[in-house]
Amino acid sequence: MEFKHISVMFDEAIEGLDLKSDGIYVDGTLGGGGHSGGICAKLGENGLLIGIDRDKDALMAAEKRLSQYKCRKELVQSNFSDVKTVLEDLGVDKIDGALLDLGVSSFQLDNPERGFSYMHEAPLDMRMNRDDSLTAYDVVNGYDRDELRDIIKNYGEERWASRIAEFVVRERAVKPLETTTELVDVIKKAIPAKARREGPHPAKRTFQAIRIEVNDELGRLEKAIEDFLDVLKPGGRLAVITFHSLEDRIVKDTFRRRYDPCTCPPGLPMCVCGKVGDVERPGKPIIPTEEEVESNPRSRSAKLRIAVKKKL
């Protein structure tokens, strides 16, 4: 299957990085190279793109796609949360900017064998890196009822989390749930008919929750944002595209804390802790245009936030 991905808020993200032709930039979620293509197009021969992705298929597709550009390129199979290690291995100290697109690529969603989509029959997998051991099958069939409930509630923000967990445990006692369609059927049974007729697909939130658990998407996000901000040069920029409120809250709070790290008790007339922020005041998030949402419905919930490292 060809690796395709429609890059969300492409123009806004590329513009937000304020690219320099000889700069060093990291695409921490390389995917098929969509956003990276926009970065490379503005880099000269002395510019460097460092692309990071967990998915071998993504790296191969991106390498082919980016071969047309003249800038230097280093594509690495890793997790963006290990950015400091990646940079150290490449002998890079500081970078001019970085981009994180936290969405699942269209290739992964639409490739049935990956098991990300509730719209296709597939084995319960959902691993972004297929060398990882934990799969959606393990979560669905191995976690106890309370663990499932908490994951679906916290990561999926699903109001019917308790019923879904209860129904999953009941059904798997008869036989393990092995495919996406089997899981979808259980979810539909758990959610009352009236609720299923309202809002998004009834399995959307649960699938999101399981995907987040399988790939530990939130577990290391805060540290990753901190590390990316650490390695930015003065004036460097970090652009992050999120797709649900849990991600966005982590990004927003981390940006704010780096802007104002003061830990003094409220009510003091002045700061005495001495902690000073190293990023400029964060602006409001950028959202997709109506035209983009119409042409790419998956962009509907996206938000782009940009942090700028203070100049010395």
C-alpha atoms as a PDB file:
ATOM      1  CA  MET A   1       0.000   0.000   0.000  1.00  0.00           C
ATOM      2  CA  GLU A   2       1.328   3.443  -0.931  1.00  0.00           C
ATOM      3  CA  PHE A   3       2.118   5.678   2.047  1.00  0.00           C
ATOM      4  CA  LYS A   4      -0.277   8.618   1.754  1.00  0.00           C
ATOM      5  CA  HIS A   5      -0.950  11.318   4.294  1.00  0.00           C
ATOM      6  CA  ILE A   6      -2.696  14.654   4.013  1.00  0.00           C
ATOM      7  CA  SER A   7      -0.641  17.043   6.125  1.00  0.00           C
ATOM      8  CA  VAL A   8      -2.927  19.039   8.414  1.00  0.00           C
ATOM      9  CA  MET A   9      -2.432  22.827   8.500  1.00  0.00           C
ATOM     10  CA  PHE A  10       0.540  22.462   6.178  1.00  0.00           C
ATOM     11  CA  ASP A  11       0.903  26.149   5.299  1.00  0.00           C
ATOM     12  CA  GLU A  12       0.324  27.352   8.855  1.00  0.00           C
ATOM     13  CA  ALA A  13       2.906  24.939  10.287  1.00  0.00           C
ATOM     14  CA  ILE A  14       5.597  25.751   7.726  1.00  0.00           C
ATOM     15  CA  GLU A  15       5.013  29.488   8.127  1.00  0.00           C
ATOM     16  CA  GLY A  16       5.018  29.156  11.915  1.00  0.00           C
ATOM     17  CA  LEU A  17       8.530  27.655  11.899  1.00  0.00           C
ATOM     18  CA  ASP A  18       9.969  30.825  10.275  1.00  0.00           C
ATOM     19  CA  LEU A  19      12.472  28.675   8.380  1.00  0.00           C
ATOM     20  CA  LYS A  20      16.046  29.721   7.637  1.00  0.00           C
ATOM     21  CA  SER A  21      17.691  28.217   4.547  1.00  0.00           C
ATOM     22  CA  ASP A  22      20.776  27.049   6.482  1.00  0.00           C
ATOM     23  CA  GLY A  23      18.950  26.010   9.647  1.00  0.00           C
ATOM     24  CA  ILE A  24      18.629  22.661  11.419  1.00  0.00           C
ATOM     25  CA  TYR A  25      15.073  21.398  11.810  1.00  0.00           C
ATOM     26  CA  VAL A  26      13.539  18.290  13.330  1.00  0.00           C
ATOM     27  CA  ASP A  27      10.322  16.667  12.153  1.00  0.00           C
ATOM     28  CA  GLY A  28       9.635  14.474  15.158  1.00  0.00           C
ATOM     29  CA  THR A  29       6.687  12.731  13.506  1.00  0.00           C
ATOM     30  CA  LEU A  30       8.016  12.239   9.985  1.00  0.00           C
ATOM     31  CA  GLY A  31       5.187  10.094   8.625  1.00  0.00           C
ATOM     32  CA  GLY A  32       5.249  10.042   4.839  1.00  0.00           C
ATOM     33  CA  GLY A  33       7.254  13.271   4.753  1.00  0.00           C
ATOM     34  CA  GLY A  34       4.447  15.727   4.045  1.00  0.00           C
ATOM     35  CA  HIS A  35       5.432  18.489   6.430  1.00  0.00           C
ATOM     36  CA  SER A  36       9.097  17.608   5.944  1.00  0.00           C
ATOM     37  CA  GLY A  37       8.710  18.232   2.225  1.00  0.00           C
ATOM     38  CA  GLY A  38       7.567  21.755   3.040  1.00  0.00           C
ATOM     39  CA  ILE A  39      10.565  22.240   5.328  1.00  0.00           C
ATOM     40  CA  CYS A  40      13.060  20.842   2.812  1.00  0.00           C
ATOM     41  CA  ALA A  41      11.645  23.040   0.051  1.00  0.00           C
ATOM     42  CA  LYS A  42      12.831  26.093   1.988  1.00  0.00           C
ATOM     43  CA  LEU A  43      16.229  24.730   3.002  1.00  0.00           C
ATOM     44  CA  GLY A  44      19.396  25.212   1.011  1.00  0.00           C
ATOM     45  CA  GLU A  45      22.281  22.766   0.597  1.00  0.00           C
ATOM     46  CA  ASN A  46      23.616  23.727   4.036  1.00  0.00           C
ATOM     47  CA  GLY A  47      20.252  23.202   5.734  1.00  0.00           C
ATOM     48  CA  LEU A  48      19.583  19.985   7.631  1.00  0.00           C
ATOM     49  CA  LEU A  49      16.340  18.093   8.168  1.00  0.00           C
ATOM     50  CA  ILE A  50      16.301  15.437  10.894  1.00  0.00           C
ATOM     51  CA  GLY A  51      13.264  13.192  10.516  1.00  0.00           C
ATOM     52  CA  ILE A  52      12.161  10.879  13.327  1.00  0.00           C
ATOM     53  CA  ASP A  53       9.487   8.185  13.144  1.00  0.00           C
ATOM     54  CA  ARG A  54       8.700   4.909  14.873  1.00  0.00           C
ATOM     55  CA  ASP A  55       7.342   3.313  11.697  1.00  0.00           C
ATOM     56  CA  LYS A  56       9.806   1.722   9.244  1.00  0.00           C
ATOM     57  CA  ASP A  57       7.268   2.050   6.429  1.00  0.00           C
ATOM     58  CA  ALA A  58       7.055   5.775   7.074  1.00  0.00           C
ATOM     59  CA  LEU A  59      10.824   6.195   6.975  1.00  0.00           C
ATOM     60  CA  MET A  60      11.122   4.366   3.655  1.00  0.00           C
ATOM     61  CA  ALA A  61       8.296   6.382   2.105  1.00  0.00           C
ATOM     62  CA  ALA A  62       9.712   9.666   3.400  1.00  0.00           C
ATOM     63  CA  GLU A  63      13.205   8.904   2.130  1.00  0.00           C
ATOM     64  CA  LYS A  64      11.805   8.402  -1.363  1.00  0.00           C
ATOM     65  CA  ARG A  65       9.616  11.497  -1.183  1.00  0.00           C
ATOM     66  CA  LEU A  66      12.348  13.789   0.130  1.00  0.00           C
ATOM     67  CA  SER A  67      15.048  12.633  -2.292  1.00  0.00           C
ATOM     68  CA  GLN A  68      14.153  15.470  -4.676  1.00  0.00           C
ATOM     69  CA  TYR A  69      15.327  18.153  -2.225  1.00  0.00           C
ATOM     70  CA  LYS A  70      18.926  19.391  -2.028  1.00  0.00           C
ATOM     71  CA  CYS A  71      19.193  19.897   1.720  1.00  0.00           C
ATOM     72  CA  ARG A  72      20.974  17.438   3.998  1.00  0.00           C
ATOM     73  CA  LYS A  73      18.757  14.781   5.578  1.00  0.00           C
ATOM     74  CA  GLU A  74      19.057  12.373   8.489  1.00  0.00           C
ATOM     75  CA  LEU A  75      16.112   9.981   8.913  1.00  0.00           C
ATOM     76  CA  VAL A  76      16.053   8.008  12.156  1.00  0.00           C
ATOM     77  CA  GLN A  77      13.788   5.264  13.471  1.00  0.00           C
ATOM     78  CA  SER A  78      13.047   6.360  17.008  1.00  0.00           C
ATOM     79  CA  ASN A  79      10.420   7.990  19.195  1.00  0.00           C
ATOM     80  CA  PHE A  80      10.287  11.790  19.240  1.00  0.00           C
ATOM     81  CA  SER A  81      10.484  11.582  23.017  1.00  0.00           C
ATOM     82  CA  ASP A  82      14.111  10.448  22.541  1.00  0.00           C
ATOM     83  CA  VAL A  83      15.044  13.599  20.603  1.00  0.00           C
ATOM     84  CA  LYS A  84      18.024  14.422  22.829  1.00  0.00           C
ATOM     85  CA  THR A  85      19.529  10.989  22.237  1.00  0.00           C
ATOM     86  CA  VAL A  86      18.903  11.257  18.490  1.00  0.00           C
ATOM     87  CA  LEU A  87      20.615  14.644  18.330  1.00  0.00           C
ATOM     88  CA  GLU A  88      23.539  13.470  20.449  1.00  0.00           C
ATOM     89  CA  ASP A  89      24.070  10.469  18.163  1.00  0.00           C
ATOM     90  CA  LEU A  90      24.119  12.824  15.161  1.00  0.00           C
ATOM     91  CA  GLY A  91      26.516  15.259  16.836  1.00  0.00           C
ATOM     92  CA  VAL A  92      23.909  18.056  16.878  1.00  0.00           C
ATOM     93  CA  ASP A  93      23.788  20.366  19.890  1.00  0.00           C
ATOM     94  CA  LYS A  94      20.985  22.837  19.152  1.00  0.00           C
ATOM     95  CA  ILE A  95      18.297  23.173  16.488  1.00  0.00           C
ATOM     96  CA  ASP A  96      16.496  26.086  14.852  1.00  0.00           C
ATOM     97  CA  GLY A  97      13.052  24.547  14.985  1.00  0.00           C
ATOM     98  CA  ALA A  98      10.936  21.428  15.273  1.00  0.00           C
ATOM     99  CA  LEU A  99       7.525  20.145  14.285  1.00  0.00           C
ATOM    100  CA  LEU A 100       5.350  17.511  15.938  1.00  0.00           C
ATOM    101  CA  ASP A 101       2.182  16.312  14.218  1.00  0.00           C
ATOM    102  CA  LEU A 102       0.576  14.059  16.829  1.00  0.00           C
ATOM    103  CA  GLY A 103      -2.070  12.600  14.543  1.00  0.00           C
ATOM    104  CA  VAL A 104      -2.092   9.079  13.135  1.00  0.00           C
ATOM    105  CA  SER A 105      -1.163   9.099   9.456  1.00  0.00           C
ATOM    106  CA  SER A 106      -3.758   8.352   6.793  1.00  0.00           C
ATOM    107  CA  PHE A 107      -1.603   5.406   5.732  1.00  0.00           C
ATOM    108  CA  GLN A 108      -1.851   3.827   9.166  1.00  0.00           C
ATOM    109  CA  LEU A 109      -5.568   4.528   9.469  1.00  0.00           C
ATOM    110  CA  ASP A 110      -6.434   3.278   5.992  1.00  0.00           C
ATOM    111  CA  ASN A 111      -4.120   0.276   5.874  1.00  0.00           C
ATOM    112  CA  PRO A 112      -6.412  -2.505   7.163  1.00  0.00           C
ATOM    113  CA  GLU A 113      -3.623  -4.715   8.452  1.00  0.00           C
ATOM    114  CA  ARG A 114      -2.499  -2.069  10.966  1.00  0.00           C
ATOM    115  CA  GLY A 115      -5.765  -2.270  12.931  1.00  0.00           C
ATOM    116  CA  PHE A 116      -6.104   1.453  13.701  1.00  0.00           C
ATOM    117  CA  SER A 117      -9.461   2.001  12.028  1.00  0.00           C
ATOM    118  CA  TYR A 118     -12.904   1.003  13.214  1.00  0.00           C
ATOM    119  CA  MET A 119     -14.010   1.172   9.564  1.00  0.00           C
ATOM    120  CA  HIS A 120     -11.966  -1.824   8.371  1.00  0.00           C
ATOM    121  CA  GLU A 121     -11.820  -5.494   9.275  1.00  0.00           C
ATOM    122  CA  ALA A 122      -8.352  -6.104  10.720  1.00  0.00           C
ATOM    123  CA  PRO A 123      -6.466  -7.842  13.527  1.00  0.00           C
ATOM    124  CA  LEU A 124      -6.361  -5.852  16.754  1.00  0.00           C
ATOM    125  CA  ASP A 125      -2.896  -4.332  16.456  1.00  0.00           C
ATOM    126  CA  MET A 126      -2.583  -0.490  16.480  1.00  0.00           C
ATOM    127  CA  ARG A 127       1.199  -0.442  16.951  1.00  0.00           C
ATOM    128  CA  MET A 128       2.922   2.531  15.349  1.00  0.00           C
ATOM    129  CA  ASN A 129       6.170   0.598  15.627  1.00  0.00           C
ATOM    130  CA  ARG A 130       5.506  -3.004  14.722  1.00  0.00           C
ATOM    131  CA  ASP A 131       8.621  -4.065  16.611  1.00  0.00           C
ATOM    132  CA  ASP A 132       6.885  -3.121  19.889  1.00  0.00           C
ATOM    133  CA  SER A 133       5.420  -5.984  21.874  1.00  0.00           C
ATOM    134  CA  LEU A 134       2.156  -4.544  23.248  1.00  0.00           C
ATOM    135  CA  THR A 135      -0.795  -4.708  20.833  1.00  0.00           C
ATOM    136  CA  ALA A 136      -4.458  -3.734  20.964  1.00  0.00           C
ATOM    137  CA  TYR A 137      -5.243  -7.451  21.280  1.00  0.00           C
ATOM    138  CA  ASP A 138      -3.234  -7.555  24.510  1.00  0.00           C
ATOM    139  CA  VAL A 139      -5.054  -4.528  25.926  1.00  0.00           C
ATOM    140  CA  VAL A 140      -8.549  -5.688  24.965  1.00  0.00           C
ATOM    141  CA  ASN A 141      -8.088  -9.265  26.114  1.00  0.00           C
ATOM    142  CA  GLY A 142      -5.551  -8.898  28.910  1.00  0.00           C
ATOM    143  CA  TYR A 143      -6.450  -5.803  30.919  1.00  0.00           C
ATOM    144  CA  ASP A 144      -8.967  -6.217  33.719  1.00  0.00           C
ATOM    145  CA  ARG A 145     -12.294  -4.419  33.712  1.00  0.00           C
ATOM    146  CA  ASP A 146     -11.173  -1.482  35.848  1.00  0.00           C
ATOM    147  CA  GLU A 147      -8.051  -0.913  33.752  1.00  0.00           C
ATOM    148  CA  LEU A 148     -10.101  -0.939  30.555  1.00  0.00           C
ATOM    149  CA  ARG A 149     -12.664   1.441  32.044  1.00  0.00           C
ATOM    150  CA  ASP A 150      -9.999   3.899  33.144  1.00  0.00           C
ATOM    151  CA  ILE A 151      -8.214   3.854  29.778  1.00  0.00           C
ATOM    152  CA  ILE A 152     -11.427   4.339  27.794  1.00  0.00           C
ATOM    153  CA  LYS A 153     -12.631   7.064  30.164  1.00  0.00           C
ATOM    154  CA  ASN A 154      -9.363   8.974  30.521  1.00  0.00           C
ATOM    155  CA  TYR A 155      -7.866   8.590  27.059  1.00  0.00           C
ATOM    156  CA  GLY A 156     -11.081   8.424  25.063  1.00  0.00           C
ATOM    157  CA  GLU A 157     -13.217  10.715  27.236  1.00  0.00           C
ATOM    158  CA  GLU A 158     -16.009   8.219  26.647  1.00  0.00           C
ATOM    159  CA  ARG A 159     -19.067   8.599  28.872  1.00  0.00           C
ATOM    160  CA  TRP A 160     -19.999   4.927  28.405  1.00  0.00           C
ATOM    161  CA  ALA A 161     -16.565   3.655  29.450  1.00  0.00           C
ATOM    162  CA  SER A 162     -17.849   1.480  32.307  1.00  0.00           C
ATOM    163  CA  ARG A 163     -20.435  -0.286  30.150  1.00  0.00           C
ATOM    164  CA  ILE A 164     -17.977  -0.804  27.305  1.00  0.00           C
ATOM    165  CA  ALA A 165     -15.382  -2.323  29.651  1.00  0.00           C
ATOM    166  CA  GLU A 166     -18.028  -4.552  31.217  1.00  0.00           C
ATOM    167  CA  PHE A 167     -19.259  -5.758  27.817  1.00  0.00           C
ATOM    168  CA  VAL A 168     -15.716  -6.399  26.576  1.00  0.00           C
ATOM    169  CA  VAL A 169     -14.895  -8.529  29.620  1.00  0.00           C
ATOM    170  CA  ARG A 170     -18.155 -10.442  29.215  1.00  0.00           C
ATOM    171  CA  GLU A 171     -17.626 -11.126  25.513  1.00  0.00           C
ATOM    172  CA  ARG A 172     -13.978 -12.145  25.786  1.00  0.00           C
ATOM    173  CA  ALA A 173     -14.891 -14.694  28.479  1.00  0.00           C
ATOM    174  CA  VAL A 174     -16.663 -16.613  25.691  1.00  0.00           C
ATOM    175  CA  LYS A 175     -13.809 -16.151  23.203  1.00  0.00           C
ATOM    176  CA  PRO A 176     -10.980 -13.634  22.768  1.00  0.00           C
ATOM    177  CA  LEU A 177     -11.757 -10.568  20.671  1.00  0.00           C
ATOM    178  CA  GLU A 178      -9.392 -10.795  17.708  1.00  0.00           C
ATOM    179  CA  THR A 179     -10.507  -8.250  15.120  1.00  0.00           C
ATOM    180  CA  THR A 180     -11.519  -4.598  14.920  1.00  0.00           C
ATOM    181  CA  THR A 181     -15.027  -5.491  13.783  1.00  0.00           C
ATOM    182  CA  GLU A 182     -15.526  -7.806  16.747  1.00  0.00           C
ATOM    183  CA  LEU A 183     -14.553  -4.975  19.071  1.00  0.00           C
ATOM    184  CA  VAL A 184     -16.808  -2.505  17.246  1.00  0.00           C
ATOM    185  CA  ASP A 185     -19.751  -4.901  17.631  1.00  0.00           C
ATOM    186  CA  VAL A 186     -19.171  -5.129  21.388  1.00  0.00           C
ATOM    187  CA  ILE A 187     -18.935  -1.346  21.697  1.00  0.00           C
ATOM    188  CA  LYS A 188     -22.183  -0.903  19.794  1.00  0.00           C
ATOM    189  CA  LYS A 189     -23.905  -3.374  22.112  1.00  0.00           C
ATOM    190  CA  ALA A 190     -22.650  -1.469  25.160  1.00  0.00           C
ATOM    191  CA  ILE A 191     -23.772   1.998  24.049  1.00  0.00           C
ATOM    192  CA  PRO A 192     -27.550   2.633  24.111  1.00  0.00           C
ATOM    193  CA  ALA A 193     -29.162   3.040  20.692  1.00  0.00           C
ATOM    194  CA  LYS A 194     -30.092   6.684  21.237  1.00  0.00           C
ATOM    195  CA  ALA A 195     -26.505   7.585  22.132  1.00  0.00           C
ATOM    196  CA  ARG A 196     -25.192   5.711  19.077  1.00  0.00           C
ATOM    197  CA  ARG A 197     -27.309   7.903  16.810  1.00  0.00           C
ATOM    198  CA  GLU A 198     -25.702  11.086  18.143  1.00  0.00           C
ATOM    199  CA  GLY A 199     -22.197  12.393  17.596  1.00  0.00           C
ATOM    200  CA  PRO A 200     -19.267  10.539  15.996  1.00  0.00           C
ATOM    201  CA  HIS A 201     -18.968   6.831  15.280  1.00  0.00           C
ATOM    202  CA  PRO A 202     -19.661   4.964  18.553  1.00  0.00           C
ATOM    203  CA  ALA A 203     -16.258   3.238  18.453  1.00  0.00           C
ATOM    204  CA  LYS A 204     -14.179   6.350  17.757  1.00  0.00           C
ATOM    205  CA  ARG A 205     -13.356   7.283  21.347  1.00  0.00           C
ATOM    206  CA  THR A 206     -12.625   3.726  22.469  1.00  0.00           C
ATOM    207  CA  PHE A 207     -10.317   3.070  19.520  1.00  0.00           C
ATOM    208  CA  GLN A 208      -8.525   6.348  20.241  1.00  0.00           C
ATOM    209  CA  ALA A 209      -8.082   5.331  23.870  1.00  0.00           C
ATOM    210  CA  ILE A 210      -6.688   1.894  23.056  1.00  0.00           C
ATOM    211  CA  ARG A 211      -4.334   3.360  20.432  1.00  0.00           C
ATOM    212  CA  ILE A 212      -2.997   5.857  22.983  1.00  0.00           C
ATOM    213  CA  GLU A 213      -2.428   3.065  25.503  1.00  0.00           C
ATOM    214  CA  VAL A 214      -0.715   0.745  23.014  1.00  0.00           C
ATOM    215  CA  ASN A 215       1.703   3.449  21.869  1.00  0.00           C
ATOM    216  CA  ASP A 216       2.087   5.269  25.198  1.00  0.00           C
ATOM    217  CA  GLU A 217       1.262   8.478  23.339  1.00  0.00           C
ATOM    218  CA  LEU A 218       0.639  10.615  26.411  1.00  0.00           C
ATOM    219  CA  GLY A 219       3.039   8.982  28.832  1.00  0.00           C
ATOM    220  CA  ARG A 220       6.112  10.731  27.478  1.00  0.00           C
ATOM    221  CA  LEU A 221       4.569  13.714  25.700  1.00  0.00           C
ATOM    222  CA  GLU A 222       5.200  16.292  28.442  1.00  0.00           C
ATOM    223  CA  LYS A 223       8.857  15.284  28.774  1.00  0.00           C
ATOM    224  CA  ALA A 224       9.207  15.311  24.986  1.00  0.00           C
ATOM    225  CA  ILE A 225       7.884  18.881  24.753  1.00  0.00           C
ATOM    226  CA  GLU A 226      10.288  19.937  27.503  1.00  0.00           C
ATOM    227  CA  ASP A 227      13.209  18.268  25.720  1.00  0.00           C
ATOM    228  CA  PHE A 228      12.394  19.885  22.382  1.00  0.00           C
ATOM    229  CA  LEU A 229      12.241  23.297  24.048  1.00  0.00           C
ATOM    230  CA  ASP A 230      15.585  22.579  25.743  1.00  0.00           C
ATOM    231  CA  VAL A 231      17.375  21.936  22.442  1.00  0.00           C
ATOM    232  CA  LEU A 232      16.006  24.994  20.614  1.00  0.00           C
ATOM    233  CA  LYS A 233      18.433  27.798  19.820  1.00  0.00           C
ATOM    234  CA  PRO A 234      17.439  31.306  20.983  1.00  0.00           C
ATOM    235  CA  GLY A 235      14.700  32.419  18.605  1.00  0.00           C
ATOM    236  CA  GLY A 236      13.987  28.801  17.630  1.00  0.00           C
ATOM    237  CA  ARG A 237      10.432  27.571  17.281  1.00  0.00           C
ATOM    238  CA  LEU A 238       8.500  24.436  18.236  1.00  0.00           C
ATOM    239  CA  ALA A 239       5.236  23.811  16.377  1.00  0.00           C
ATOM    240  CA  VAL A 240       2.904  21.115  17.724  1.00  0.00           C
ATOM    241  CA  ILE A 241      -0.296  19.896  16.066  1.00  0.00           C
ATOM    242  CA  THR A 242      -2.694  18.058  18.385  1.00  0.00           C
ATOM    243  CA  PHE A 243      -5.930  16.238  17.633  1.00  0.00           C
ATOM    244  CA  HIS A 244      -7.678  15.823  20.971  1.00  0.00           C
ATOM    245  CA  SER A 245      -8.030  17.730  24.197  1.00  0.00           C
ATOM    246  CA  LEU A 246      -5.713  15.525  26.255  1.00  0.00           C
ATOM    247  CA  GLU A 247      -2.750  16.198  23.960  1.00  0.00           C
ATOM    248  CA  ASP A 248      -3.585  19.867  23.606  1.00  0.00           C
ATOM    249  CA  ARG A 249      -3.836  20.354  27.364  1.00  0.00           C
ATOM    250  CA  ILE A 250      -0.365  18.864  27.893  1.00  0.00           C
ATOM    251  CA  VAL A 251       1.153  21.053  25.169  1.00  0.00           C
ATOM    252  CA  LYS A 252      -0.633  24.197  26.382  1.00  0.00           C
ATOM    253  CA  ASP A 253       0.313  23.678  30.029  1.00  0.00           C
ATOM    254  CA  THR A 254       3.942  22.873  29.201  1.00  0.00           C
ATOM    255  CA  PHE A 255       4.293  25.983  27.025  1.00  0.00           C
ATOM    256  CA  ARG A 256       2.764  28.117  29.775  1.00  0.00           C
ATOM    257  CA  ARG A 257       5.036  26.634  32.434  1.00  0.00           C
ATOM    258  CA  ARG A 258       8.121  27.336  30.338  1.00  0.00           C
ATOM    259  CA  TYR A 259       6.896  30.917  29.885  1.00  0.00           C
ATOM    260  CA  ASP A 260       6.117  31.402  33.582  1.00  0.00           C
ATOM    261  CA  PRO A 261       7.853  28.795  35.792  1.00  0.00           C
ATOM    262  CA  CYS A 262       7.324  30.764  39.006  1.00  0.00           C
ATOM    263  CA  THR A 263       6.457  28.492  41.935  1.00  0.00           C
ATOM    264  CA  CYS A 264       5.845  31.189  44.519  1.00  0.00           C
ATOM    265  CA  PRO A 265       2.640  30.911  46.595  1.00  0.00           C
ATOM    266  CA  PRO A 266      -0.236  33.033  45.277  1.00  0.00           C
ATOM    267  CA  GLY A 267      -0.557  36.415  46.956  1.00  0.00           C
ATOM    268  CA  LEU A 268       3.119  37.295  47.279  1.00  0.00           C
ATOM    269  CA  PRO A 269       3.748  40.896  46.153  1.00  0.00           C
ATOM    270  CA  MET A 270       6.715  39.763  44.055  1.00  0.00           C
ATOM    271  CA  CYS A 271       8.448  36.615  42.831  1.00  0.00           C
ATOM    272  CA  VAL A 272      11.080  35.263  45.212  1.00  0.00           C
ATOM    273  CA  CYS A 273      11.739  31.837  43.689  1.00  0.00           C
ATOM    274  CA  GLY A 274      13.916  33.360  40.992  1.00  0.00           C
ATOM    275  CA  LYS A 275      12.707  31.098  38.206  1.00  0.00           C
ATOM    276  CA  VAL A 276      12.603  32.833  34.827  1.00  0.00           C
ATOM    277  CA  GLY A 277      10.808  31.619  31.709  1.00  0.00           C
ATOM    278  CA  ASP A 278      12.743  30.802  28.547  1.00  0.00           C
ATOM    279  CA  VAL A 279       9.961  31.022  25.971  1.00  0.00           C
ATOM    280  CA  GLU A 280       7.900  33.959  24.800  1.00  0.00           C
ATOM    281  CA  ARG A 281       4.265  34.335  25.865  1.00  0.00           C
ATOM    282  CA  PRO A 282       2.337  31.558  24.059  1.00  0.00           C
ATOM    283  CA  GLY A 283      -0.291  32.732  21.589  1.00  0.00           C
ATOM    284  CA  LYS A 284      -3.713  31.271  20.948  1.00  0.00           C
ATOM    285  CA  PRO A 285      -3.933  27.984  19.046  1.00  0.00           C
ATOM    286  CA  ILE A 286      -4.374  28.042  15.293  1.00  0.00           C
ATOM    287  CA  ILE A 287      -7.235  25.955  13.918  1.00  0.00           C
ATOM    288  CA  PRO A 288      -7.890  24.679  10.387  1.00  0.00           C
ATOM    289  CA  THR A 289      -9.796  26.805   7.909  1.00  0.00           C
ATOM    290  CA  GLU A 290     -13.317  25.827   6.922  1.00  0.00           C
ATOM    291  CA  GLU A 291     -11.969  24.922   3.482  1.00  0.00           C
ATOM    292  CA  GLU A 292      -9.427  22.514   4.950  1.00  0.00           C
ATOM    293  CA  VAL A 293     -11.984  20.826   7.195  1.00  0.00           C
ATOM    294  CA  GLU A 294     -14.274  20.372   4.205  1.00  0.00           C
ATOM    295  CA  SER A 295     -11.520  18.837   2.068  1.00  0.00           C
ATOM    296  CA  ASN A 296      -9.949  16.824   4.930  1.00  0.00           C
ATOM    297  CA  PRO A 297     -12.460  15.977   7.688  1.00  0.00           C
ATOM    298  CA  ARG A 298      -9.692  14.449   9.823  1.00  0.00           C
ATOM    299  CA  SER A 299      -8.389  17.967  10.441  1.00  0.00           C
ATOM    300  CA  ARG A 300     -11.587  19.019  12.233  1.00  0.00           C
ATOM    301  CA  SER A 301     -10.257  18.675  15.785  1.00  0.00           C
ATOM    302  CA  ALA A 302      -6.685  19.807  15.074  1.00  0.00           C
ATOM    303  CA  LYS A 303      -4.960  22.651  16.902  1.00  0.00           C
ATOM    304  CA  LEU A 304      -1.544  24.135  16.147  1.00  0.00           C
ATOM    305  CA  ARG A 305       0.419  25.734  18.985  1.00  0.00           C
ATOM    306  CA  ILE A 306       3.797  27.403  18.533  1.00  0.00           C
ATOM    307  CA  ALA A 307       6.395  28.190  21.194  1.00  0.00           C
ATOM    308  CA  VAL A 308       9.301  30.573  20.532  1.00  0.00           C
ATOM    309  CA  LYS A 309      12.516  30.308  22.543  1.00  0.00           C
ATOM    310  CA  LYS A 310      13.534  33.648  24.027  1.00  0.00           C
ATOM    311  CA  LYS A 311      16.564  35.329  22.492  1.00  0.00           C
ATOM    312  CA  LEU A 312      19.500  35.976  24.759  1.00  0.00           C
END
